[in-house]
C-alpha atoms as a PDB file:
ATOM      1  CA  MET A   1      38.821 -13.857 -51.229  1.00  0.00           C
ATOM      2  CA  ALA A   2      38.958 -11.466 -48.360  1.00  0.00           C
ATOM      3  CA  ASP A   3      41.580 -11.875 -45.748  1.00  0.00           C
ATOM      4  CA  PRO A   4      39.952 -12.901 -42.411  1.00  0.00           C
ATOM      5  CA  ALA A   5      42.514 -10.860 -40.469  1.00  0.00           C
ATOM      6  CA  GLU A   6      41.216  -7.665 -42.072  1.00  0.00           C
ATOM      7  CA  GLU A   7      37.587  -8.169 -41.036  1.00  0.00           C
ATOM      8  CA  PRO A   8      36.716  -6.400 -37.802  1.00  0.00           C
ATOM      9  CA  LYS A   9      35.883  -8.755 -34.997  1.00  0.00           C
ATOM     10  CA  LYS A  10      32.349  -8.413 -33.730  1.00  0.00           C
ATOM     11  CA  LYS A  11      31.836  -8.246 -30.011  1.00  0.00           C
ATOM     12  CA  PRO A  12      29.209 -10.577 -28.664  1.00  0.00           C
ATOM     13  CA  ALA A  13      26.060  -8.830 -27.472  1.00  0.00           C
ATOM     14  CA  ALA A  14      25.956  -8.162 -23.755  1.00  0.00           C
ATOM     15  CA  LYS A  15      23.873 -10.815 -22.112  1.00  0.00           C
ATOM     16  CA  GLU A  16      21.223  -9.699 -19.713  1.00  0.00           C
ATOM     17  CA  ILE A  17      20.810 -11.673 -16.542  1.00  0.00           C
ATOM     18  CA  PRO A  18      17.507 -13.538 -16.630  1.00  0.00           C
ATOM     19  CA  PHE A  19      14.943 -12.290 -14.117  1.00  0.00           C
ATOM     20  CA  ALA A  20      17.181  -9.353 -13.075  1.00  0.00           C
ATOM     21  CA  SER A  21      14.269  -6.935 -12.907  1.00  0.00           C
ATOM     22  CA  THR A  22      12.197  -9.455 -10.966  1.00  0.00           C
ATOM     23  CA  ILE A  23      14.989  -9.964  -8.454  1.00  0.00           C
ATOM     24  CA  ALA A  24      15.455  -6.202  -8.049  1.00  0.00           C
ATOM     25  CA  SER A  25      11.745  -5.632  -7.474  1.00  0.00           C
ATOM     26  CA  LEU A  26      11.648  -8.543  -5.029  1.00  0.00           C
ATOM     27  CA  LYS A  27      14.569  -7.068  -3.046  1.00  0.00           C
ATOM     28  CA  GLU A  28      12.808  -3.708  -2.997  1.00  0.00           C
ATOM     29  CA  LYS A  29       9.584  -5.294  -1.734  1.00  0.00           C
ATOM     30  CA  ILE A  30      11.437  -7.214   1.005  1.00  0.00           C
ATOM     31  CA  ALA A  31      13.166  -4.006   2.137  1.00  0.00           C
ATOM     32  CA  GLN A  32       9.799  -2.206   2.250  1.00  0.00           C
ATOM     33  CA  ILE A  33       8.200  -5.005   4.302  1.00  0.00           C
ATOM     34  CA  SER A  34      11.147  -5.005   6.696  1.00  0.00           C
ATOM     35  CA  GLU A  35      10.904  -1.229   7.133  1.00  0.00           C
ATOM     36  CA  ASP A  36       7.130  -1.412   7.664  1.00  0.00           C
ATOM     37  CA  LYS A  37       7.600  -4.081  10.313  1.00  0.00           C
ATOM     38  CA  LYS A  38      10.029  -1.915  12.302  1.00  0.00           C
ATOM     39  CA  MET A  39       8.161   1.374  11.852  1.00  0.00           C
ATOM     40  CA  GLY A  40       5.653   1.074  14.742  1.00  0.00           C
ATOM     41  CA  PRO A  41       8.155   0.873  17.612  1.00  0.00           C
ATOM     42  CA  ASP A  42      10.468   3.280  15.805  1.00  0.00           C
ATOM     43  CA  LEU A  43       7.808   5.994  15.695  1.00  0.00           C
ATOM     44  CA  LEU A  44       7.229   5.560  19.420  1.00  0.00           C
ATOM     45  CA  PHE A  45      10.914   6.230  20.094  1.00  0.00           C
ATOM     46  CA  THR A  46      10.971   9.110  17.599  1.00  0.00           C
ATOM     47  CA  ASN A  47       7.943  10.785  19.165  1.00  0.00           C
ATOM     48  CA  THR A  48       9.379  10.301  22.655  1.00  0.00           C
ATOM     49  CA  TYR A  49      12.644  11.907  21.548  1.00  0.00           C
ATOM     50  CA  MET A  50      10.814  14.830  19.931  1.00  0.00           C
ATOM     51  CA  ALA A  51       8.656  15.275  23.045  1.00  0.00           C
ATOM     52  CA  SER A  52      11.727  15.345  25.279  1.00  0.00           C
ATOM     53  CA  LEU A  53      13.241  18.055  23.080  1.00  0.00           C
ATOM     54  CA  ALA A  54      10.001  20.047  23.254  1.00  0.00           C
ATOM     55  CA  ILE A  55       9.966  19.785  27.047  1.00  0.00           C
ATOM     56  CA  ALA A  56      13.551  21.087  27.047  1.00  0.00           C
ATOM     57  CA  ASP A  57      12.269  24.238  25.257  1.00  0.00           C
ATOM     58  CA  ALA A  58      13.949  23.474  21.942  1.00  0.00           C
ATOM     59  CA  SER A  59      12.606  25.429  18.979  1.00  0.00           C
ATOM     60  CA  ARG A  60      10.784  23.715  16.123  1.00  0.00           C
ATOM     61  CA  PRO A  61      13.802  23.881  13.772  1.00  0.00           C
ATOM     62  CA  GLU A  62      15.989  22.373  16.500  1.00  0.00           C
ATOM     63  CA  ILE A  63      13.500  19.574  17.169  1.00  0.00           C
ATOM     64  CA  PHE A  64      13.296  18.571  13.518  1.00  0.00           C
ATOM     65  CA  SER A  65      17.015  18.930  12.769  1.00  0.00           C
ATOM     66  CA  PHE A  66      18.114  17.032  15.899  1.00  0.00           C
ATOM     67  CA  THR A  67      15.631  14.243  15.182  1.00  0.00           C
ATOM     68  CA  ALA A  68      16.655  14.106  11.519  1.00  0.00           C
ATOM     69  CA  ASN A  69      20.291  13.659  12.564  1.00  0.00           C
ATOM     70  CA  ARG A  70      19.488  10.626  14.742  1.00  0.00           C
ATOM     71  CA  LYS A  71      20.358   7.801  12.351  1.00  0.00           C
ATOM     72  CA  GLU A  72      19.153   5.042  14.688  1.00  0.00           C
ATOM     73  CA  TYR A  73      15.547   5.943  13.849  1.00  0.00           C
ATOM     74  CA  ILE A  74      14.121   4.641  10.576  1.00  0.00           C
ATOM     75  CA  SER A  75      11.881   7.680  10.299  1.00  0.00           C
ATOM     76  CA  SER A  76      14.862  10.057  10.513  1.00  0.00           C
ATOM     77  CA  LYS A  77      15.508   9.756   6.766  1.00  0.00           C
ATOM     78  CA  TYR A  78      12.009  11.114   6.127  1.00  0.00           C
ATOM     79  CA  LEU A  79      12.459  13.884   8.691  1.00  0.00           C
ATOM     80  CA  THR A  80      15.734  14.745   6.950  1.00  0.00           C
ATOM     81  CA  LYS A  81      13.710  15.384   3.796  1.00  0.00           C
ATOM     82  CA  VAL A  82      11.330  17.609   5.776  1.00  0.00           C
ATOM     83  CA  ASP A  83      14.267  19.515   7.244  1.00  0.00           C
ATOM     84  CA  THR A  84      15.804  19.918   3.767  1.00  0.00           C
ATOM     85  CA  TYR A  85      12.575  21.322   2.327  1.00  0.00           C
ATOM     86  CA  VAL A  86      12.416  23.852   5.155  1.00  0.00           C
ATOM     87  CA  GLN A  87      16.086  24.854   5.427  1.00  0.00           C
ATOM     88  CA  LYS A  88      17.148  24.813   1.775  1.00  0.00           C
ATOM     89  CA  TRP A  89      13.950  25.266  -0.211  1.00  0.00           C
ATOM     90  CA  GLY A  90      12.085  27.708   2.048  1.00  0.00           C
ATOM     91  CA  TYR A  91       8.902  25.679   2.543  1.00  0.00           C
ATOM     92  CA  SER A  92       6.965  25.925   5.783  1.00  0.00           C
ATOM     93  CA  TYR A  93       6.946  22.947   8.113  1.00  0.00           C
ATOM     94  CA  SER A  94       3.316  22.132   7.368  1.00  0.00           C
ATOM     95  CA  GLU A  95       3.959  22.216   3.598  1.00  0.00           C
ATOM     96  CA  SER A  96       7.098  20.106   3.806  1.00  0.00           C
ATOM     97  CA  LEU A  97       5.463  17.558   6.114  1.00  0.00           C
ATOM     98  CA  SER A  98       2.538  17.280   3.694  1.00  0.00           C
ATOM     99  CA  ILE A  99       4.867  16.824   0.706  1.00  0.00           C
ATOM    100  CA  VAL A 100       6.836  14.063   2.401  1.00  0.00           C
ATOM    101  CA  ALA A 101       3.640  12.410   3.693  1.00  0.00           C
ATOM    102  CA  GLU A 102       2.279  12.188   0.146  1.00  0.00           C
ATOM    103  CA  ARG A 103       5.388  10.308  -1.014  1.00  0.00           C
ATOM    104  CA  VAL A 104       5.700   7.847   1.877  1.00  0.00           C
ATOM    105  CA  ASN A 105       4.523   4.266   1.366  1.00  0.00           C
ATOM    106  CA  ASN A 106       4.109   3.379   5.047  1.00  0.00           C
ATOM    107  CA  ALA A 107       0.556   4.106   6.238  1.00  0.00           C
ATOM    108  CA  ILE A 108       1.536   4.737   9.874  1.00  0.00           C
ATOM    109  CA  LEU A 109       4.290   7.199   8.969  1.00  0.00           C
ATOM    110  CA  LYS A 110       2.057   8.894   6.409  1.00  0.00           C
ATOM    111  CA  SER A 111      -0.604   9.375   9.086  1.00  0.00           C
ATOM    112  CA  MET A 112       1.905  10.752  11.601  1.00  0.00           C
ATOM    113  CA  LEU A 113       3.413  13.234   9.145  1.00  0.00           C
ATOM    114  CA  SER A 114      -0.047  14.374   8.043  1.00  0.00           C
ATOM    115  CA  ARG A 115      -1.111  14.863  11.659  1.00  0.00           C
ATOM    116  CA  TYR A 116       2.043  16.877  12.370  1.00  0.00           C
ATOM    117  CA  ALA A 117       1.316  19.027   9.311  1.00  0.00           C
ATOM    118  CA  ASN A 118      -2.289  19.614  10.391  1.00  0.00           C
ATOM    119  CA  ALA A 119      -1.259  20.423  13.967  1.00  0.00           C
ATOM    120  CA  ILE A 120       1.386  22.921  12.847  1.00  0.00           C
ATOM    121  CA  GLU A 121      -0.973  24.484  10.319  1.00  0.00           C
ATOM    122  CA  SER A 122      -3.657  24.947  12.977  1.00  0.00           C
ATOM    123  CA  GLY A 123      -1.172  26.686  15.250  1.00  0.00           C
ATOM    124  CA  VAL A 124      -0.562  24.028  17.877  1.00  0.00           C
END
């Protein structure tokens, strides 16, 4: 007979938490709904801030970078992506706004970014 001390001990298989993927997708959906709920007033404040910078004769890069650095706005994380595409990847503002607008789930923000892209592309 074989000595039981010589046999390698098998590790039990790692147990997966039941419904882990469902819980993760539910958390993601709740976060998206919460963000969508706050987006309307947030865009009002963001646009007001950008308009005040424009009135102060700030350049377009300054307007987008200053707004992207304002972490109290929900939309600033999307404007950070726009600013990154322009500053580091060499895209134009209209191209980068269009790229980010295509990837956004919020309909209001998508519309705003698309309108900004169209306005910049038309020369406004």
